[in-house]
C-alpha atoms as a PDB file:
ATOM      1  CA  MET A   1     -32.397 209.692 110.193  1.00  0.00           C
ATOM      2  CA  LEU A   2     -33.819 206.576 110.956  1.00  0.00           C
ATOM      3  CA  THR A   3     -35.913 205.495 114.060  1.00  0.00           C
ATOM      4  CA  TYR A   4     -37.186 202.988 116.199  1.00  0.00           C
ATOM      5  CA  ARG A   5     -38.436 201.819 119.618  1.00  0.00           C
ATOM      6  CA  ASP A   6     -34.704 200.746 120.643  1.00  0.00           C
ATOM      7  CA  THR A   7     -31.514 200.511 118.753  1.00  0.00           C
ATOM      8  CA  TYR A   8     -32.771 196.689 117.583  1.00  0.00           C
ATOM      9  CA  VAL A   9     -33.989 196.971 114.358  1.00  0.00           C
ATOM     10  CA  PRO A  10     -36.251 194.500 111.967  1.00  0.00           C
ATOM     11  CA  LYS A  11     -33.089 191.787 110.391  1.00  0.00           C
ATOM     12  CA  GLN A  12     -36.005 193.601 107.228  1.00  0.00           C
ATOM     13  CA  ALA A  13     -34.281 196.485 107.272  1.00  0.00           C
ATOM     14  CA  GLU A  14     -30.950 196.061 106.684  1.00  0.00           C
ATOM     15  CA  PRO A  15     -30.592 196.626 103.123  1.00  0.00           C
ATOM     16  CA  PHE A  16     -32.730 199.396 102.836  1.00  0.00           C
ATOM     17  CA  ILE A  17     -30.101 201.091 105.597  1.00  0.00           C
ATOM     18  CA  ARG A  18     -27.296 200.145 103.913  1.00  0.00           C
ATOM     19  CA  SER A  19     -28.096 201.959 100.939  1.00  0.00           C
ATOM     20  CA  PHE A  20     -28.875 205.154 102.482  1.00  0.00           C
ATOM     21  CA  ILE A  21     -24.788 204.514 103.715  1.00  0.00           C
ATOM     22  CA  ASN A  22     -23.706 203.337 100.611  1.00  0.00           C
ATOM     23  CA  HIS A  23     -24.808 205.584  98.323  1.00  0.00           C
ATOM     24  CA  ASN A  24     -24.389 209.068 100.161  1.00  0.00           C
ATOM     25  CA  PRO A  25     -20.436 207.736 102.447  1.00  0.00           C
ATOM     26  CA  ASN A  26     -19.887 210.854 104.368  1.00  0.00           C
ATOM     27  CA  TRP A  27     -23.059 211.453 105.494  1.00  0.00           C
ATOM     28  CA  THR A  28     -23.625 211.268 109.197  1.00  0.00           C
ATOM     29  CA  PHE A  29     -26.083 209.455 110.254  1.00  0.00           C
ATOM     30  CA  GLN A  30     -28.225 209.497 113.422  1.00  0.00           C
ATOM     31  CA  PHE A  31     -30.539 206.958 114.833  1.00  0.00           C
ATOM     32  CA  TRP A  32     -34.163 207.828 117.760  1.00  0.00           C
ATOM     33  CA  THR A  33     -35.661 205.039 120.212  1.00  0.00           C
ATOM     34  CA  ASP A  34     -38.779 206.356 121.754  1.00  0.00           C
ATOM     35  CA  ASN A  35     -36.060 207.248 124.766  1.00  0.00           C
ATOM     36  CA  SER A  36     -33.632 209.427 122.941  1.00  0.00           C
ATOM     37  CA  ALA A  37     -36.585 211.061 121.632  1.00  0.00           C
ATOM     38  CA  LYS A  38     -38.288 211.658 124.881  1.00  0.00           C
ATOM     39  CA  LYS A  39     -34.536 213.488 126.143  1.00  0.00           C
ATOM     40  CA  LEU A  40     -34.214 215.680 123.118  1.00  0.00           C
ATOM     41  CA  ILE A  41     -38.227 216.478 123.414  1.00  0.00           C
ATOM     42  CA  THR A  42     -37.426 217.494 127.456  1.00  0.00           C
ATOM     43  CA  ASP A  43     -33.872 218.790 126.918  1.00  0.00           C
ATOM     44  CA  LYS A  44     -35.000 221.136 124.046  1.00  0.00           C
ATOM     45  CA  TYR A  45     -38.896 221.287 123.251  1.00  0.00           C
ATOM     46  CA  HIS A  46     -40.254 221.328 126.981  1.00  0.00           C
ATOM     47  CA  PHE A  47     -43.663 222.470 125.776  1.00  0.00           C
ATOM     48  CA  PHE A  48     -44.317 219.424 124.354  1.00  0.00           C
ATOM     49  CA  VAL A  49     -43.645 216.615 127.074  1.00  0.00           C
ATOM     50  CA  GLN A  50     -46.952 216.611 127.799  1.00  0.00           C
ATOM     51  CA  VAL A  51     -48.904 215.983 124.510  1.00  0.00           C
ATOM     52  CA  TRP A  52     -45.661 213.100 124.463  1.00  0.00           C
ATOM     53  CA  ASP A  53     -46.886 211.486 127.621  1.00  0.00           C
ATOM     54  CA  THR A  54     -50.312 211.306 127.026  1.00  0.00           C
ATOM     55  CA  TYR A  55     -50.409 209.709 123.540  1.00  0.00           C
ATOM     56  CA  LYS A  56     -52.022 206.710 123.398  1.00  0.00           C
ATOM     57  CA  HIS A  57     -50.521 204.818 120.366  1.00  0.00           C
ATOM     58  CA  TYR A  58     -46.832 204.224 119.765  1.00  0.00           C
ATOM     59  CA  MET A  59     -47.157 205.396 116.281  1.00  0.00           C
ATOM     60  CA  HIS A  60     -48.126 209.068 117.645  1.00  0.00           C
ATOM     61  CA  ARG A  61     -44.988 209.216 119.314  1.00  0.00           C
ATOM     62  CA  SER A  62     -43.120 207.926 116.026  1.00  0.00           C
ATOM     63  CA  ASP A  63     -44.475 210.386 113.865  1.00  0.00           C
ATOM     64  CA  ALA A  64     -44.111 213.723 116.019  1.00  0.00           C
ATOM     65  CA  MET A  65     -40.455 212.673 116.927  1.00  0.00           C
ATOM     66  CA  ARG A  66     -39.603 213.598 113.418  1.00  0.00           C
ATOM     67  CA  TYR A  67     -40.577 216.972 112.938  1.00  0.00           C
ATOM     68  CA  PHE A  68     -38.421 218.161 116.075  1.00  0.00           C
ATOM     69  CA  ILE A  69     -35.656 215.978 114.972  1.00  0.00           C
ATOM     70  CA  LEU A  70     -35.643 217.402 111.909  1.00  0.00           C
ATOM     71  CA  HIS A  71     -36.265 220.813 113.408  1.00  0.00           C
ATOM     72  CA  GLN A  72     -33.259 220.901 115.769  1.00  0.00           C
ATOM     73  CA  PHE A  73     -30.690 219.044 113.390  1.00  0.00           C
ATOM     74  CA  GLY A  74     -31.890 218.890 109.740  1.00  0.00           C
ATOM     75  CA  GLY A  75     -31.108 216.878 107.166  1.00  0.00           C
ATOM     76  CA  VAL A  76     -32.825 213.502 106.073  1.00  0.00           C
ATOM     77  CA  TYR A  77     -35.628 211.757 107.853  1.00  0.00           C
ATOM     78  CA  ALA A  78     -36.540 208.136 106.386  1.00  0.00           C
ATOM     79  CA  ASP A  79     -38.504 205.474 107.330  1.00  0.00           C
ATOM     80  CA  LEU A  80     -37.391 202.241 107.980  1.00  0.00           C
ATOM     81  CA  ASP A  81     -38.979 200.887 105.157  1.00  0.00           C
ATOM     82  CA  MET A  82     -37.381 203.226 103.069  1.00  0.00           C
ATOM     83  CA  GLU A  83     -34.470 202.521 100.203  1.00  0.00           C
ATOM     84  CA  CYS A  84     -32.270 204.972  98.518  1.00  0.00           C
ATOM     85  CA  LEU A  85     -31.525 204.176  95.221  1.00  0.00           C
ATOM     86  CA  ARG A  86     -29.199 207.098  94.549  1.00  0.00           C
ATOM     87  CA  PRO A  87     -26.652 209.557  96.314  1.00  0.00           C
ATOM     88  CA  LEU A  88     -29.183 212.718  97.663  1.00  0.00           C
ATOM     89  CA  ASP A  89     -26.362 214.958  98.204  1.00  0.00           C
ATOM     90  CA  HIS A  90     -28.283 216.829  94.609  1.00  0.00           C
ATOM     91  CA  VAL A  91     -31.971 216.558  95.535  1.00  0.00           C
ATOM     92  CA  THR A  92     -30.501 218.304  98.726  1.00  0.00           C
ATOM     93  CA  ARG A  93     -28.388 221.669  97.730  1.00  0.00           C
ATOM     94  CA  LYS A  94     -31.928 223.552  96.464  1.00  0.00           C
ATOM     95  CA  PHE A  95     -34.220 224.064  98.006  1.00  0.00           C
ATOM     96  CA  SER A  96     -34.393 224.497 102.077  1.00  0.00           C
ATOM     97  CA  CYS A  97     -37.451 221.434 102.558  1.00  0.00           C
ATOM     98  CA  ILE A  98     -38.481 219.044 100.938  1.00  0.00           C
ATOM     99  CA  PHE A  99     -42.177 217.343 101.464  1.00  0.00           C
ATOM    100  CA  PRO A 100     -42.455 214.596  98.595  1.00  0.00           C
ATOM    101  CA  PRO A 101     -45.910 213.311  98.252  1.00  0.00           C
ATOM    102  CA  GLU A 102     -47.329 210.241  97.904  1.00  0.00           C
ATOM    103  CA  PRO A 103     -48.466 208.200  94.530  1.00  0.00           C
ATOM    104  CA  PHE A 104     -52.010 209.757  93.391  1.00  0.00           C
ATOM    105  CA  PHE A 105     -53.469 206.238  93.770  1.00  0.00           C
ATOM    106  CA  ASN A 106     -52.084 206.232  96.867  1.00  0.00           C
ATOM    107  CA  SER A 107     -54.309 209.568  98.023  1.00  0.00           C
ATOM    108  CA  VAL A 108     -57.659 208.526  96.147  1.00  0.00           C
ATOM    109  CA  PHE A 109     -57.681 205.064  97.315  1.00  0.00           C
ATOM    110  CA  GLY A 110     -55.969 205.651 100.605  1.00  0.00           C
ATOM    111  CA  LEU A 111     -58.218 208.245 101.858  1.00  0.00           C
ATOM    112  CA  SER A 112     -60.141 209.299  98.937  1.00  0.00           C
ATOM    113  CA  TRP A 113     -57.676 212.510  99.147  1.00  0.00           C
ATOM    114  CA  PRO A 114     -56.623 214.406  95.710  1.00  0.00           C
ATOM    115  CA  TYR A 115     -53.162 214.167  97.600  1.00  0.00           C
ATOM    116  CA  ILE A 116     -51.307 213.516 100.619  1.00  0.00           C
ATOM    117  CA  ILE A 117     -47.953 214.828 101.981  1.00  0.00           C
ATOM    118  CA  ASN A 118     -46.067 212.390 102.877  1.00  0.00           C
ATOM    119  CA  ASN A 119     -43.877 212.320 106.222  1.00  0.00           C
ATOM    120  CA  ALA A 120     -42.099 208.784 105.551  1.00  0.00           C
ATOM    121  CA  ILE A 121     -38.775 210.846 104.050  1.00  0.00           C
ATOM    122  CA  MET A 122     -38.984 214.461 104.525  1.00  0.00           C
ATOM    123  CA  MET A 123     -36.143 217.465 104.294  1.00  0.00           C
ATOM    124  CA  CYS A 124     -35.144 220.246 105.687  1.00  0.00           C
ATOM    125  CA  LYS A 125     -32.557 222.800 107.327  1.00  0.00           C
ATOM    126  CA  PRO A 126     -32.829 223.046 110.535  1.00  0.00           C
ATOM    127  CA  GLY A 127     -35.159 225.541 112.153  1.00  0.00           C
ATOM    128  CA  HIS A 128     -37.371 225.523 109.215  1.00  0.00           C
ATOM    129  CA  PRO A 129     -41.069 228.090 109.791  1.00  0.00           C
ATOM    130  CA  PHE A 130     -43.003 224.799 108.261  1.00  0.00           C
ATOM    131  CA  LEU A 131     -41.552 221.697 110.996  1.00  0.00           C
ATOM    132  CA  GLU A 132     -41.896 224.787 113.715  1.00  0.00           C
ATOM    133  CA  TYR A 133     -45.820 225.037 111.972  1.00  0.00           C
ATOM    134  CA  LEU A 134     -45.926 221.403 112.499  1.00  0.00           C
ATOM    135  CA  MET A 135     -44.791 220.692 116.193  1.00  0.00           C
ATOM    136  CA  HIS A 136     -46.730 223.582 117.444  1.00  0.00           C
ATOM    137  CA  ASP A 137     -50.045 222.251 115.820  1.00  0.00           C
ATOM    138  CA  LEU A 138     -49.830 218.955 117.344  1.00  0.00           C
ATOM    139  CA  GLU A 139     -51.150 219.316 120.799  1.00  0.00           C
ATOM    140  CA  LYS A 140     -54.747 220.062 118.143  1.00  0.00           C
ATOM    141  CA  THR A 141     -54.716 217.275 116.836  1.00  0.00           C
ATOM    142  CA  ALA A 142     -53.924 214.683 119.940  1.00  0.00           C
ATOM    143  CA  THR A 143     -57.384 213.032 120.650  1.00  0.00           C
ATOM    144  CA  ARG A 144     -57.792 212.049 116.957  1.00  0.00           C
ATOM    145  CA  LYS A 145     -59.072 208.998 116.620  1.00  0.00           C
ATOM    146  CA  GLU A 146     -56.896 207.640 113.483  1.00  0.00           C
ATOM    147  CA  ILE A 147     -53.699 207.627 113.319  1.00  0.00           C
ATOM    148  CA  LEU A 148     -53.024 209.360 109.961  1.00  0.00           C
ATOM    149  CA  TYR A 149     -54.716 212.386 111.667  1.00  0.00           C
ATOM    150  CA  VAL A 150     -52.458 212.744 114.849  1.00  0.00           C
ATOM    151  CA  ALA A 151     -49.417 213.322 113.713  1.00  0.00           C
ATOM    152  CA  GLY A 152     -49.559 211.343 110.570  1.00  0.00           C
ATOM    153  CA  PRO A 153     -49.538 211.867 106.710  1.00  0.00           C
ATOM    154  CA  ALA A 154     -53.033 213.366 106.839  1.00  0.00           C
ATOM    155  CA  PHE A 155     -52.021 215.560 109.357  1.00  0.00           C
ATOM    156  CA  VAL A 156     -48.937 216.741 107.500  1.00  0.00           C
ATOM    157  CA  THR A 157     -51.191 216.886 104.751  1.00  0.00           C
ATOM    158  CA  GLU A 158     -53.719 219.491 106.638  1.00  0.00           C
ATOM    159  CA  GLU A 159     -50.864 220.985 108.290  1.00  0.00           C
ATOM    160  CA  TYR A 160     -49.042 222.030 104.393  1.00  0.00           C
ATOM    161  CA  GLY A 161     -52.530 223.685 103.130  1.00  0.00           C
ATOM    162  CA  LYS A 162     -52.923 226.401 106.162  1.00  0.00           C
ATOM    163  CA  TYR A 163     -48.826 226.846 105.958  1.00  0.00           C
ATOM    164  CA  MET A 164     -48.999 227.750 102.175  1.00  0.00           C
ATOM    165  CA  LYS A 165     -52.017 230.268 103.060  1.00  0.00           C
ATOM    166  CA  VAL A 166     -50.013 231.800 105.477  1.00  0.00           C
ATOM    167  CA  MET A 167     -47.054 232.254 103.623  1.00  0.00           C
ATOM    168  CA  GLU A 168     -49.363 233.631 100.252  1.00  0.00           C
ATOM    169  CA  LYS A 169     -50.023 236.875 102.562  1.00  0.00           C
ATOM    170  CA  THR A 170     -45.998 237.466 102.983  1.00  0.00           C
ATOM    171  CA  MET A 171     -45.340 236.942  99.758  1.00  0.00           C
ATOM    172  CA  THR A 172     -45.596 239.146  96.177  1.00  0.00           C
ATOM    173  CA  TYR A 173     -46.546 237.273  93.105  1.00  0.00           C
ATOM    174  CA  SER A 174     -46.237 237.634  89.616  1.00  0.00           C
ATOM    175  CA  LYS A 175     -49.928 239.472  88.255  1.00  0.00           C
ATOM    176  CA  THR A 176     -49.216 237.415  85.030  1.00  0.00           C
ATOM    177  CA  PRO A 177     -48.703 234.237  86.654  1.00  0.00           C
ATOM    178  CA  THR A 178     -48.254 230.643  84.156  1.00  0.00           C
ATOM    179  CA  LYS A 179     -49.796 228.304  84.422  1.00  0.00           C
ATOM    180  CA  LYS A 180     -47.558 225.694  82.872  1.00  0.00           C
ATOM    181  CA  LEU A 181     -45.975 223.603  85.501  1.00  0.00           C
ATOM    182  CA  ASN A 182     -42.391 223.184  85.790  1.00  0.00           C
ATOM    183  CA  SER A 183     -41.799 218.461  85.310  1.00  0.00           C
ATOM    184  CA  THR A 184     -40.168 218.753  88.492  1.00  0.00           C
ATOM    185  CA  GLU A 185     -43.864 219.064  90.063  1.00  0.00           C
ATOM    186  CA  PRO A 186     -46.560 217.023  90.404  1.00  0.00           C
ATOM    187  CA  TYR A 187     -49.984 217.525  88.460  1.00  0.00           C
ATOM    188  CA  PHE A 188     -51.777 219.597  91.768  1.00  0.00           C
ATOM    189  CA  TYR A 189     -48.804 221.668  92.558  1.00  0.00           C
ATOM    190  CA  GLN A 190     -49.340 225.333  91.584  1.00  0.00           C
ATOM    191  CA  ALA A 191     -46.890 227.191  93.251  1.00  0.00           C
ATOM    192  CA  LEU A 192     -45.973 230.364  91.935  1.00  0.00           C
ATOM    193  CA  MET A 193     -42.925 231.083  93.740  1.00  0.00           C
ATOM    194  CA  LEU A 194     -40.903 227.841  93.797  1.00  0.00           C
ATOM    195  CA  PRO A 195     -38.929 227.644  97.285  1.00  0.00           C
ATOM    196  CA  THR A 196     -35.190 228.341  96.576  1.00  0.00           C
ATOM    197  CA  GLU A 197     -33.128 230.299  97.597  1.00  0.00           C
ATOM    198  CA  ILE A 198     -35.234 233.640  96.694  1.00  0.00           C
ATOM    199  CA  ASP A 199     -37.276 232.331  99.787  1.00  0.00           C
ATOM    200  CA  ASP A 200     -36.167 229.501 101.928  1.00  0.00           C
ATOM    201  CA  ARG A 201     -39.491 229.543 103.715  1.00  0.00           C
ATOM    202  CA  LEU A 202     -41.300 227.696 101.762  1.00  0.00           C
ATOM    203  CA  VAL A 203     -42.292 224.131 100.781  1.00  0.00           C
ATOM    204  CA  TYR A 204     -41.322 221.979  98.071  1.00  0.00           C
ATOM    205  CA  VAL A 205     -43.465 219.553  96.627  1.00  0.00           C
ATOM    206  CA  PRO A 206     -41.344 217.342  93.860  1.00  0.00           C
ATOM    207  CA  ASN A 207     -43.367 214.826  91.901  1.00  0.00           C
ATOM    208  CA  THR A 208     -44.062 211.311  92.958  1.00  0.00           C
ATOM    209  CA  HIS A 209     -42.179 209.835  90.451  1.00  0.00           C
ATOM    210  CA  TYR A 210     -38.686 211.259  92.609  1.00  0.00           C
ATOM    211  CA  PHE A 211     -39.159 209.822  95.784  1.00  0.00           C
ATOM    212  CA  MET A 212     -42.349 207.759  96.604  1.00  0.00           C
ATOM    213  CA  ASN A 213     -43.156 205.413  93.221  1.00  0.00           C
ATOM    214  CA  THR A 214     -44.124 202.846  94.573  1.00  0.00           C
ATOM    215  CA  PHE A 215     -47.931 200.792  94.861  1.00  0.00           C
ATOM    216  CA  SER A 216     -48.974 201.214  98.891  1.00  0.00           C
ATOM    217  CA  PRO A 217     -50.330 197.601  99.104  1.00  0.00           C
ATOM    218  CA  VAL A 218     -53.056 197.973 102.044  1.00  0.00           C
ATOM    219  CA  HIS A 219     -55.932 195.041 101.614  1.00  0.00           C
ATOM    220  CA  THR A 220     -58.697 198.178 101.378  1.00  0.00           C
ATOM    221  CA  ILE A 221     -56.329 199.454  97.945  1.00  0.00           C
ATOM    222  CA  HIS A 222     -56.049 196.217  96.279  1.00  0.00           C
ATOM    223  CA  GLU A 223     -59.820 195.138  96.965  1.00  0.00           C
ATOM    224  CA  LYS A 224     -60.075 199.257  95.301  1.00  0.00           C
ATOM    225  CA  ILE A 225     -57.936 198.584  92.927  1.00  0.00           C
ATOM    226  CA  ALA A 226     -59.994 195.301  92.104  1.00  0.00           C
ATOM    227  CA  ALA A 227     -62.950 197.747  91.730  1.00  0.00           C
ATOM    228  CA  CYS A 228     -61.069 199.210  88.762  1.00  0.00           C
ATOM    229  CA  ALA A 229     -60.721 196.098  86.783  1.00  0.00           C
ATOM    230  CA  TYR A 230     -64.679 196.338  87.250  1.00  0.00           C
ATOM    231  CA  TRP A 231     -65.845 199.542  86.764  1.00  0.00           C
ATOM    232  CA  ASP A 232     -63.310 198.965  83.336  1.00  0.00           C
ATOM    233  CA  GLU A 233     -62.824 195.707  82.001  1.00  0.00           C
ATOM    234  CA  GLY A 234     -60.603 196.942  79.114  1.00  0.00           C
ATOM    235  CA  MET A 235     -57.784 198.548  81.802  1.00  0.00           C
ATOM    236  CA  ASN A 236     -54.924 195.897  81.956  1.00  0.00           C
ATOM    237  CA  ILE A 237     -53.516 195.777  85.426  1.00  0.00           C
ATOM    238  CA  THR A 238     -51.652 192.856  86.712  1.00  0.00           C
ATOM    239  CA  GLN A 239     -52.112 193.788  90.638  1.00  0.00           C
ATOM    240  CA  CYS A 240     -48.839 192.679  92.028  1.00  0.00           C
ATOM    241  CA  HIS A 241     -46.700 196.343  91.358  1.00  0.00           C
ATOM    242  CA  GLN A 242     -42.869 194.542  92.187  1.00  0.00           C
ATOM    243  CA  ILE A 243     -43.769 194.121  95.928  1.00  0.00           C
ATOM    244  CA  ASN A 244     -42.095 191.720  97.636  1.00  0.00           C
ATOM    245  CA  SER A 245     -44.048 189.318  99.201  1.00  0.00           C
ATOM    246  CA  SER A 246     -45.195 185.836  99.310  1.00  0.00           C
ATOM    247  CA  THR A 247     -48.806 186.596  98.613  1.00  0.00           C
ATOM    248  CA  CYS A 248     -48.395 188.884  95.917  1.00  0.00           C
ATOM    249  CA  ASP A 249     -49.686 185.935  93.672  1.00  0.00           C
ATOM    250  CA  ARG A 250     -53.675 185.819  95.435  1.00  0.00           C
ATOM    251  CA  TRP A 251     -53.378 190.167  93.986  1.00  0.00           C
ATOM    252  CA  ILE A 252     -52.359 189.221  90.422  1.00  0.00           C
ATOM    253  CA  LYS A 253     -56.302 188.166  89.745  1.00  0.00           C
ATOM    254  CA  PRO A 254     -58.542 190.321  92.545  1.00  0.00           C
ATOM    255  CA  PRO A 255     -61.443 188.488  93.477  1.00  0.00           C
ATOM    256  CA  VAL A 256     -64.224 190.370  91.039  1.00  0.00           C
ATOM    257  CA  PRO A 257     -68.223 189.748  92.388  1.00  0.00           C
ATOM    258  CA  PRO A 258     -70.456 188.698  89.569  1.00  0.00           C
ATOM    259  CA  LYS A 259     -72.384 191.110  87.819  1.00  0.00           C
ATOM    260  CA  ASP A 260     -75.668 190.187  89.918  1.00  0.00           C
ATOM    261  CA  ALA A 261     -73.901 190.432  93.194  1.00  0.00           C
ATOM    262  CA  CYS A 262     -74.910 193.869  93.202  1.00  0.00           C
ATOM    263  CA  LYS A 263     -78.966 193.005  93.622  1.00  0.00           C
ATOM    264  CA  THR A 264     -78.083 190.655  97.031  1.00  0.00           C
ATOM    265  CA  LYS A 265     -75.274 192.532  99.059  1.00  0.00           C
ATOM    266  CA  LYS A 266     -73.768 196.243  98.239  1.00  0.00           C
ATOM    267  CA  PHE A 267     -70.071 195.623  97.291  1.00  0.00           C
ATOM    268  CA  ILE A 268     -67.746 198.173  96.128  1.00  0.00           C
ATOM    269  CA  TYR A 269     -67.530 197.382  92.866  1.00  0.00           C
ATOM    270  CA  CYS A 270     -71.242 198.316  92.943  1.00  0.00           C
ATOM    271  CA  VAL A 271     -70.903 201.883  93.765  1.00  0.00           C
ATOM    272  CA  LYS A 272     -70.324 204.034  90.476  1.00  0.00           C
ATOM    273  CA  PRO A 273     -66.965 205.613  90.862  1.00  0.00           C
ATOM    274  CA  ASN A 274     -66.511 208.989  91.236  1.00  0.00           C
ATOM    275  CA  GLU A 275     -64.617 211.306  88.826  1.00  0.00           C
ATOM    276  CA  LEU A 276     -61.324 211.281  91.590  1.00  0.00           C
ATOM    277  CA  GLN A 277     -61.745 207.501  91.521  1.00  0.00           C
ATOM    278  CA  LYS A 278     -61.660 207.382  87.788  1.00  0.00           C
ATOM    279  CA  LYS A 279     -58.817 209.779  87.410  1.00  0.00           C
ATOM    280  CA  ALA A 280     -56.703 206.970  90.068  1.00  0.00           C
ATOM    281  CA  CYS A 281     -57.635 204.191  87.831  1.00  0.00           C
ATOM    282  CA  HIS A 282     -56.590 205.661  84.956  1.00  0.00           C
ATOM    283  CA  GLU A 283     -53.605 206.940  86.876  1.00  0.00           C
ATOM    284  CA  LEU A 284     -53.278 203.124  87.774  1.00  0.00           C
ATOM    285  CA  ALA A 285     -52.837 201.579  84.101  1.00  0.00           C
ATOM    286  CA  ARG A 286     -50.487 203.782  83.338  1.00  0.00           C
ATOM    287  CA  TYR A 287     -47.798 203.022  86.255  1.00  0.00           C
ATOM    288  CA  ASP A 288     -48.595 199.245  85.176  1.00  0.00           C
ATOM    289  CA  MET A 289     -48.004 200.194  82.017  1.00  0.00           C
ATOM    290  CA  GLN A 290     -44.674 201.803  82.943  1.00  0.00           C
ATOM    291  CA  LEU A 291     -43.497 199.704  85.920  1.00  0.00           C
ATOM    292  CA  LYS A 292     -40.111 198.272  83.652  1.00  0.00           C
ATOM    293  CA  ASP A 293     -38.708 202.532  83.951  1.00  0.00           C
ATOM    294  CA  GLN A 294     -40.454 203.043  86.875  1.00  0.00           C
ATOM    295  CA  PHE A 295     -37.185 203.814  88.542  1.00  0.00           C
ATOM    296  CA  ARG A 296     -34.998 205.798  86.080  1.00  0.00           C
ATOM    297  CA  TYR A 297     -35.020 208.701  87.481  1.00  0.00           C
ATOM    298  CA  THR A 298     -36.139 207.684  91.199  1.00  0.00           C
ATOM    299  CA  PHE A 299     -33.877 208.875  94.242  1.00  0.00           C
ATOM    300  CA  THR A 300     -36.003 206.169  97.194  1.00  0.00           C
ATOM    301  CA  LYS A 301     -38.168 203.661  97.166  1.00  0.00           C
ATOM    302  CA  HIS A 302     -40.272 202.911  99.657  1.00  0.00           C
ATOM    303  CA  ASN A 303     -40.996 199.274 100.849  1.00  0.00           C
ATOM    304  CA  TYR A 304     -44.190 199.644 102.804  1.00  0.00           C
ATOM    305  CA  PHE A 305     -43.046 196.824 105.239  1.00  0.00           C
ATOM    306  CA  GLY A 306     -44.760 198.486 108.267  1.00  0.00           C
ATOM    307  CA  SER A 307     -42.789 196.429 110.865  1.00  0.00           C
ATOM    308  CA  TYR A 308     -45.087 198.675 113.982  1.00  0.00           C
ATOM    309  CA  ASN A 309     -48.193 196.962 113.273  1.00  0.00           C
ATOM    310  CA  ASN A 310     -46.696 193.575 111.827  1.00  0.00           C
ATOM    311  CA  GLN A 311     -44.306 193.144 115.023  1.00  0.00           C
ATOM    312  CA  LYS A 312     -45.045 189.275 115.206  1.00  0.00           C
ATOM    313  CA  LYS A 313     -43.827 189.315 111.572  1.00  0.00           C
ATOM    314  CA  TYR A 314     -40.455 190.877 112.149  1.00  0.00           C
ATOM    315  CA  LYS A 315     -39.263 189.554 115.296  1.00  0.00           C
ATOM    316  CA  GLU A 316     -35.874 188.298 113.634  1.00  0.00           C
ATOM    317  CA  THR A 317     -33.885 191.330 114.619  1.00  0.00           C
ATOM    318  CA  ILE A 318     -30.414 192.953 114.012  1.00  0.00           C
ATOM    319  CA  SER A 319     -28.875 196.123 116.323  1.00  0.00           C
ATOM    320  CA  ILE A 320     -28.324 199.461 114.055  1.00  0.00           C
ATOM    321  CA  PHE A 321     -24.479 199.477 115.457  1.00  0.00           C
ATOM    322  CA  ASP A 322     -23.663 196.084 113.454  1.00  0.00           C
ATOM    323  CA  ILE A 323     -24.921 197.512 110.136  1.00  0.00           C
ATOM    324  CA  ALA A 324     -23.564 201.058 111.078  1.00  0.00           C
ATOM    325  CA  PRO A 325     -21.544 200.785 113.400  1.00  0.00           C
ATOM    326  CA  HIS A 326     -20.143 204.778 113.728  1.00  0.00           C
ATOM    327  CA  VAL A 327     -24.026 205.853 113.712  1.00  0.00           C
ATOM    328  CA  HIS A 328     -24.964 208.772 116.847  1.00  0.00           C
ATOM    329  CA  VAL A 329     -27.745 207.540 119.290  1.00  0.00           C
ATOM    330  CA  TYR A 330     -29.277 211.482 120.971  1.00  0.00           C
ATOM    331  CA  SER A 331     -27.599 211.652 124.555  1.00  0.00           C
ATOM    332  CA  SER A 332     -26.964 216.103 124.540  1.00  0.00           C
ATOM    333  CA  LEU A 333     -26.997 218.275 122.001  1.00  0.00           C
ATOM    334  CA  THR A 334     -22.930 219.336 122.914  1.00  0.00           C
ATOM    335  CA  LEU A 335     -22.249 215.040 121.348  1.00  0.00           C
ATOM    336  CA  MET A 336     -24.163 215.557 118.542  1.00  0.00           C
ATOM    337  CA  ASP A 337     -23.399 218.199 115.737  1.00  0.00           C
ATOM    338  CA  LYS A 338     -26.097 220.231 113.668  1.00  0.00           C
ATOM    339  CA  GLY A 339     -25.880 219.115 109.907  1.00  0.00           C
ATOM    340  CA  THR A 340     -26.934 220.161 106.983  1.00  0.00           C
ATOM    341  CA  TYR A 341     -29.154 217.567 105.189  1.00  0.00           C
ATOM    342  CA  ASP A 342     -27.394 214.426 107.586  1.00  0.00           C
ATOM    343  CA  VAL A 343     -29.818 211.767 107.468  1.00  0.00           C
ATOM    344  CA  THR A 344     -32.311 209.886 110.155  1.00  0.00           C
ATOM    345  CA  LEU A 345     -32.349 206.675 110.290  1.00  0.00           C
ATOM    346  CA  LEU A 346     -36.570 206.440 111.490  1.00  0.00           C
END
């Protein structure tokens, strides 16, 4: 499943869209626009129409629509800047719902949180209760000022925490649970029961290496990375991280202020790092040393080109039908069948 404002997408997204088609040739592909998503919500989720119409930012609608689409049809949702590196059939057969998290250092440097459950790529069966949980809580967060907290990753992370506590009340755990984590799970995820066929109401959180194994090139984050090098001069961080950007060169040597700069002006570099930031810095250094083997087991890659917020940069467009002639665009439920792990591109 993919979504965009209309059926003309940024030209830069073409290779990423084709990557899903090439690696998953037997899948059905759905494409959603603001108008087709509004029609689905009007047809099937009328309780949300008023909230949808009051959203002040287009990103609010972009974030919100994906939960309704997945709830109705199921499958794989992917942002336009997500790239598929290998077939997804294997990962979609075992779990009823998969929400990959951001890399640890992205979470710490971005929101100062130990983890963020992302919404750039999600995999769920139709009607999954976590999607219902998200949909019905969107009204409560509609007036928030920060985009990420309205319907984006921060919202999903908060909802995930609440949802799992609800699930704990309805499930029986072993009295002697093991604390040893499966290698396919991130360090913070300590579920005592995996969301397999045993209980398909749960949400599986895989290790970031499998779906979100890339560094977020946000300016404020680069300042914090520069701070890592300042806090620990022994760190060997090259900064570039294989980001496809013409400005990558200026990140190779981040601007670190002189030692006496802290006496005259407040810099982030001058603030003593907390334990979470220290861990993020060392995780970033480890990540940097392993770039050559970075995508060995990775299914999807996030390229972070942010076309929604950089319209001037992505003026050249291409019709989605020129990329995928057989892509489905919603007009009514009778013309789009529910599938298992079809791809929705947004």
